[in-house]
Amino acid sequence: MDGTDDVRAEQILNKMKNCSNRNAYFQSALAASFPNGEFITVEAKLHGKITLEKRGSRDSGFSQILSFRMEKLLLK
């Protein structure tokens, strides 16, 4: 999808307007290499739902259309 995060979020909402299964997840991965040669990797998924409409004025990717049960904790 081309465009800004706002445009892509609107495209997703339009494509999903008749979808009842709005399950989604945010996946993140991190890899770090240290001077002593140690190397670590971490991967995590945060499960939630795609909202029916954009919420708030958040400026971080798709956070306007993703809802998580732990949302208050995440925003702090």
Protein backbone atom coordinates (compact mmCIF):
# COMPACT_ATOMS: atom_id res chain seq x y z
CA MET A 1 0.00 0.00 0.00
CA ASP A 2 1.26 3.42 -0.89
CA GLY A 3 0.72 6.66 1.00
CA THR A 4 0.98 7.93 4.52
CA ASP A 5 0.03 5.96 7.62
CA ASP A 6 -3.32 7.80 7.63
CA VAL A 7 -4.03 6.81 4.03
CA ARG A 8 -3.04 3.18 4.61
CA ALA A 9 -5.15 3.03 7.79
CA GLU A 10 -8.19 4.31 5.85
CA GLN A 11 -7.55 1.74 3.10
CA ILE A 12 -7.48 -1.07 5.66
CA LEU A 13 -10.69 0.16 7.32
CA ASN A 14 -12.42 0.39 3.92
CA LYS A 15 -11.33 -3.12 2.94
CA MET A 16 -12.53 -4.50 6.28
CA LYS A 17 -15.85 -2.64 6.56
CA ASN A 18 -17.85 -5.86 6.06
CA CYS A 19 -15.43 -8.11 7.98
CA SER A 20 -16.63 -9.55 11.28
CA ASN A 21 -13.26 -11.09 12.21
CA ARG A 22 -11.15 -8.07 13.11
CA ASN A 23 -8.43 -9.97 14.96
CA ALA A 24 -4.95 -8.60 14.38
CA TYR A 25 -1.53 -8.53 15.96
CA PHE A 26 1.49 -6.27 16.08
CA GLN A 27 4.76 -8.15 15.70
CA SER A 28 8.14 -6.79 16.68
CA ALA A 29 11.64 -8.23 16.60
CA LEU A 30 14.97 -7.03 17.95
CA ALA A 31 18.49 -8.31 17.46
CA ALA A 32 21.53 -7.00 19.31
CA SER A 33 25.22 -7.76 18.98
CA PHE A 34 27.58 -6.79 21.80
CA PRO A 35 31.33 -6.05 21.70
CA ASN A 36 32.03 -9.18 23.77
CA GLY A 37 30.60 -11.33 20.96
CA GLU A 38 27.28 -12.00 22.65
CA PHE A 39 24.27 -11.90 20.34
CA ILE A 40 20.61 -11.92 21.36
CA THR A 41 17.31 -11.91 19.50
CA VAL A 42 13.80 -11.31 20.80
CA GLU A 43 10.44 -11.53 19.04
CA ALA A 44 6.99 -10.72 20.40
CA LYS A 45 3.38 -10.48 19.23
CA LEU A 46 0.74 -8.26 20.77
CA HIS A 47 -2.76 -9.49 19.90
CA GLY A 48 -5.70 -7.14 19.49
CA LYS A 49 -8.42 -6.02 17.10
CA ILE A 50 -8.78 -3.60 14.22
CA THR A 51 -11.23 -0.87 15.20
CA LEU A 52 -14.27 0.18 13.15
CA GLU A 53 -12.94 3.71 12.72
CA LYS A 54 -9.78 5.70 13.38
CA ARG A 55 -9.41 6.90 16.95
CA GLY A 56 -7.48 9.81 18.38
CA SER A 57 -4.58 11.61 16.78
CA ARG A 58 -1.87 9.08 17.42
CA ASP A 59 1.05 9.38 15.06
CA SER A 60 2.63 5.95 15.35
CA GLY A 61 1.93 3.72 12.38
CA PHE A 62 -1.39 1.92 12.62
CA SER A 63 -2.06 2.75 16.29
CA GLN A 64 -5.15 4.73 15.20
CA ILE A 65 -6.89 1.53 14.09
CA LEU A 66 -5.47 -1.10 16.47
CA SER A 67 -6.97 -1.78 19.88
CA PHE A 68 -5.28 -3.86 22.57
CA ARG A 69 -6.58 -4.92 25.99
CA MET A 70 -3.43 -3.49 27.60
CA GLU A 71 -3.73 -0.20 25.69
CA LYS A 72 -3.52 2.11 28.71
CA LEU A 73 -0.31 0.41 29.82
CA LEU A 74 1.16 0.63 26.31
CA LEU A 75 0.49 4.34 25.98
CA LYS A 76 2.26 5.19 29.24
